[in-house]
Amino acid sequence: MVIRTTYEVVNDVFFVKVETLSYSANDLELMTKFGEPTVDAGGTFDYDSNKQFVLTSKMCYINKSFPVTQSFDDTSVPDAEDKADAWGTEMIARISAAVTNLRAQSDEFTRQESNTV
């Protein structure tokens, strides 16, 4: 799986777009069996070693809800560039953790049995 993050500034607005691409057949099979993982594109984010900001919670499915874009307006949001960087970095971490948890799932139930009587 590939996580592609694009950072762009337009008219003093910092945009970060996160995309999930190129799922393996195994990942897709696991999603079919155990459900598509979700990540919160909101919540609390740390930046500059000792600062935090909070965005409204927005649960996103890692495949069908992406790409997800977040913007930070430098004219009205203090530290907009730092917050944009922090959001992108944290989204990569959250998606990676969700995929790692998915891959840790194992299907001990699916089987075929034949009985001769």
C-alpha atoms as a PDB file:
ATOM      1  CA  MET A   1       0.000   0.000   0.000  1.00  0.00           C
ATOM      2  CA  VAL A   2       1.141   3.503  -0.767  1.00  0.00           C
ATOM      3  CA  ILE A   3       0.282   6.644   1.185  1.00  0.00           C
ATOM      4  CA  ARG A   4       0.853   9.719  -0.953  1.00  0.00           C
ATOM      5  CA  THR A   5       0.787  13.114   0.763  1.00  0.00           C
ATOM      6  CA  THR A   6       0.717  16.318  -1.270  1.00  0.00           C
ATOM      7  CA  TYR A   7       1.505  19.689   0.326  1.00  0.00           C
ATOM      8  CA  GLU A   8       0.566  22.880  -1.472  1.00  0.00           C
ATOM      9  CA  VAL A   9       0.117  26.569  -0.631  1.00  0.00           C
ATOM     10  CA  VAL A  10      -2.285  28.773  -2.587  1.00  0.00           C
ATOM     11  CA  ASN A  11      -3.105  32.362  -1.576  1.00  0.00           C
ATOM     12  CA  ASP A  12      -1.774  31.867   1.976  1.00  0.00           C
ATOM     13  CA  VAL A  13      -3.811  28.685   2.456  1.00  0.00           C
ATOM     14  CA  PHE A  14      -1.856  25.511   3.181  1.00  0.00           C
ATOM     15  CA  PHE A  15      -3.470  22.399   1.714  1.00  0.00           C
ATOM     16  CA  VAL A  16      -2.535  18.847   2.576  1.00  0.00           C
ATOM     17  CA  LYS A  17      -4.025  15.974   0.578  1.00  0.00           C
ATOM     18  CA  VAL A  18      -3.567  12.380   1.721  1.00  0.00           C
ATOM     19  CA  GLU A  19      -4.256   9.534  -0.695  1.00  0.00           C
ATOM     20  CA  THR A  20      -4.140   5.778  -0.196  1.00  0.00           C
ATOM     21  CA  LEU A  21      -3.138   3.805  -3.272  1.00  0.00           C
ATOM     22  CA  SER A  22      -2.034   0.393  -4.507  1.00  0.00           C
ATOM     23  CA  TYR A  23      -3.579  -1.957  -1.988  1.00  0.00           C
ATOM     24  CA  SER A  24      -2.293  -5.513  -2.161  1.00  0.00           C
ATOM     25  CA  ALA A  25      -4.673  -8.371  -2.885  1.00  0.00           C
ATOM     26  CA  ASN A  26      -4.077  -9.549   0.683  1.00  0.00           C
ATOM     27  CA  ASP A  27      -5.072  -6.148   2.136  1.00  0.00           C
ATOM     28  CA  LEU A  28      -8.257  -6.108   0.059  1.00  0.00           C
ATOM     29  CA  GLU A  29      -9.102  -9.667   1.119  1.00  0.00           C
ATOM     30  CA  LEU A  30      -8.593  -8.742   4.773  1.00  0.00           C
ATOM     31  CA  MET A  31     -10.883  -5.720   4.329  1.00  0.00           C
ATOM     32  CA  THR A  32     -13.541  -7.997   2.874  1.00  0.00           C
ATOM     33  CA  LYS A  33     -13.278 -10.344   5.846  1.00  0.00           C
ATOM     34  CA  PHE A  34     -12.799  -7.904   8.718  1.00  0.00           C
ATOM     35  CA  GLY A  35     -14.107  -4.593   7.401  1.00  0.00           C
ATOM     36  CA  GLU A  36     -12.339  -1.556   6.085  1.00  0.00           C
ATOM     37  CA  PRO A  37     -10.324   0.227   8.780  1.00  0.00           C
ATOM     38  CA  THR A  38     -11.153   3.801   9.703  1.00  0.00           C
ATOM     39  CA  VAL A  39      -8.970   6.673  10.838  1.00  0.00           C
ATOM     40  CA  ASP A  40      -9.943   9.988  12.392  1.00  0.00           C
ATOM     41  CA  ALA A  41      -8.914  12.940  10.228  1.00  0.00           C
ATOM     42  CA  GLY A  42      -9.693  15.153  13.218  1.00  0.00           C
ATOM     43  CA  GLY A  43      -8.918  15.061  16.894  1.00  0.00           C
ATOM     44  CA  THR A  44      -5.781  16.309  18.625  1.00  0.00           C
ATOM     45  CA  PHE A  45      -2.537  16.972  16.775  1.00  0.00           C
ATOM     46  CA  ASP A  46       0.853  17.849  18.259  1.00  0.00           C
ATOM     47  CA  TYR A  47       3.300  20.271  16.651  1.00  0.00           C
ATOM     48  CA  ASP A  48       6.393  22.303  17.562  1.00  0.00           C
ATOM     49  CA  SER A  49       7.299  19.854  20.355  1.00  0.00           C
ATOM     50  CA  ASN A  50       4.915  21.341  22.921  1.00  0.00           C
ATOM     51  CA  LYS A  51       1.875  22.737  21.085  1.00  0.00           C
ATOM     52  CA  GLN A  52      -1.414  21.131  20.116  1.00  0.00           C
ATOM     53  CA  PHE A  53      -4.455  21.891  18.026  1.00  0.00           C
ATOM     54  CA  VAL A  54      -7.803  20.160  17.672  1.00  0.00           C
ATOM     55  CA  LEU A  55      -9.918  19.547  14.589  1.00  0.00           C
ATOM     56  CA  THR A  56     -13.478  18.273  14.559  1.00  0.00           C
ATOM     57  CA  SER A  57     -13.572  14.482  14.452  1.00  0.00           C
ATOM     58  CA  LYS A  58     -14.088  13.046  10.964  1.00  0.00           C
ATOM     59  CA  MET A  59     -13.928   9.259  10.673  1.00  0.00           C
ATOM     60  CA  CYS A  60     -12.740   8.122   7.251  1.00  0.00           C
ATOM     61  CA  TYR A  61     -12.527   4.660   5.696  1.00  0.00           C
ATOM     62  CA  ILE A  62      -8.929   4.185   4.544  1.00  0.00           C
ATOM     63  CA  ASN A  63      -9.943   3.136   1.041  1.00  0.00           C
ATOM     64  CA  LYS A  64     -13.337   4.495   0.045  1.00  0.00           C
ATOM     65  CA  SER A  65     -13.121   7.849   1.909  1.00  0.00           C
ATOM     66  CA  PHE A  66      -9.749   8.871   0.490  1.00  0.00           C
ATOM     67  CA  PRO A  67      -8.288  11.152  -0.727  1.00  0.00           C
ATOM     68  CA  VAL A  68      -8.831  13.487   2.234  1.00  0.00           C
ATOM     69  CA  THR A  69      -7.760  17.130   2.118  1.00  0.00           C
ATOM     70  CA  GLN A  70      -7.319  19.529   5.018  1.00  0.00           C
ATOM     71  CA  SER A  71      -6.627  23.241   4.691  1.00  0.00           C
ATOM     72  CA  PHE A  72      -5.107  25.777   7.071  1.00  0.00           C
ATOM     73  CA  ASP A  73      -5.582  29.477   6.260  1.00  0.00           C
ATOM     74  CA  ASP A  74      -2.479  31.466   7.199  1.00  0.00           C
ATOM     75  CA  THR A  75      -4.530  34.678   7.415  1.00  0.00           C
ATOM     76  CA  SER A  76      -6.769  33.346  10.197  1.00  0.00           C
ATOM     77  CA  VAL A  77      -5.001  30.313  11.698  1.00  0.00           C
ATOM     78  CA  PRO A  78      -1.865  30.909  13.775  1.00  0.00           C
ATOM     79  CA  ASP A  79       1.021  28.598  12.804  1.00  0.00           C
ATOM     80  CA  ALA A  80      -0.910  27.391   9.746  1.00  0.00           C
ATOM     81  CA  GLU A  81       2.112  25.910   7.977  1.00  0.00           C
ATOM     82  CA  ASP A  82       3.260  24.013  11.084  1.00  0.00           C
ATOM     83  CA  LYS A  83      -0.258  22.710  11.664  1.00  0.00           C
ATOM     84  CA  ALA A  84      -0.531  21.560   8.047  1.00  0.00           C
ATOM     85  CA  ASP A  85       2.756  19.671   8.355  1.00  0.00           C
ATOM     86  CA  ALA A  86       1.654  18.116  11.652  1.00  0.00           C
ATOM     87  CA  TRP A  87      -1.698  17.028  10.207  1.00  0.00           C
ATOM     88  CA  GLY A  88      -0.040  15.342   7.222  1.00  0.00           C
ATOM     89  CA  THR A  89       2.511  13.551   9.395  1.00  0.00           C
ATOM     90  CA  GLU A  90      -0.113  12.358  11.870  1.00  0.00           C
ATOM     91  CA  MET A  91      -2.428  11.119   9.114  1.00  0.00           C
ATOM     92  CA  ILE A  92       0.402   8.978   7.731  1.00  0.00           C
ATOM     93  CA  ALA A  93       0.943   7.537  11.223  1.00  0.00           C
ATOM     94  CA  ARG A  94      -2.774   6.861  11.756  1.00  0.00           C
ATOM     95  CA  ILE A  95      -3.213   5.162   8.387  1.00  0.00           C
ATOM     96  CA  SER A  96      -0.065   3.093   8.914  1.00  0.00           C
ATOM     97  CA  ALA A  97      -1.318   1.944  12.325  1.00  0.00           C
ATOM     98  CA  ALA A  98      -4.743   1.045  10.910  1.00  0.00           C
ATOM     99  CA  VAL A  99      -3.200  -1.020   8.100  1.00  0.00           C
ATOM    100  CA  THR A 100      -0.794  -2.712  10.525  1.00  0.00           C
ATOM    101  CA  ASN A 101      -3.738  -3.665  12.737  1.00  0.00           C
ATOM    102  CA  LEU A 102      -5.639  -4.980   9.717  1.00  0.00           C
ATOM    103  CA  ARG A 103      -2.686  -7.110   8.655  1.00  0.00           C
ATOM    104  CA  ALA A 104      -2.436  -8.548  12.170  1.00  0.00           C
ATOM    105  CA  GLN A 105      -5.922 -10.049  11.791  1.00  0.00           C
ATOM    106  CA  SER A 106      -6.089 -13.739  11.059  1.00  0.00           C
ATOM    107  CA  ASP A 107      -8.996 -15.788   9.852  1.00  0.00           C
ATOM    108  CA  GLU A 108      -9.186 -18.921  11.969  1.00  0.00           C
ATOM    109  CA  PHE A 109     -12.797 -19.577  11.011  1.00  0.00           C
ATOM    110  CA  THR A 110     -12.976 -19.890   7.214  1.00  0.00           C
ATOM    111  CA  ARG A 111     -12.643 -23.506   6.144  1.00  0.00           C
ATOM    112  CA  GLN A 112     -14.346 -26.264   4.259  1.00  0.00           C
ATOM    113  CA  GLU A 113     -15.175 -29.552   5.907  1.00  0.00           C
ATOM    114  CA  SER A 114     -16.232 -32.790   4.280  1.00  0.00           C
ATOM    115  CA  ASN A 115     -17.747 -35.628   6.231  1.00  0.00           C
ATOM    116  CA  THR A 116     -18.447 -39.034   4.830  1.00  0.00           C
ATOM    117  CA  VAL A 117     -21.132 -41.078   6.536  1.00  0.00           C
END
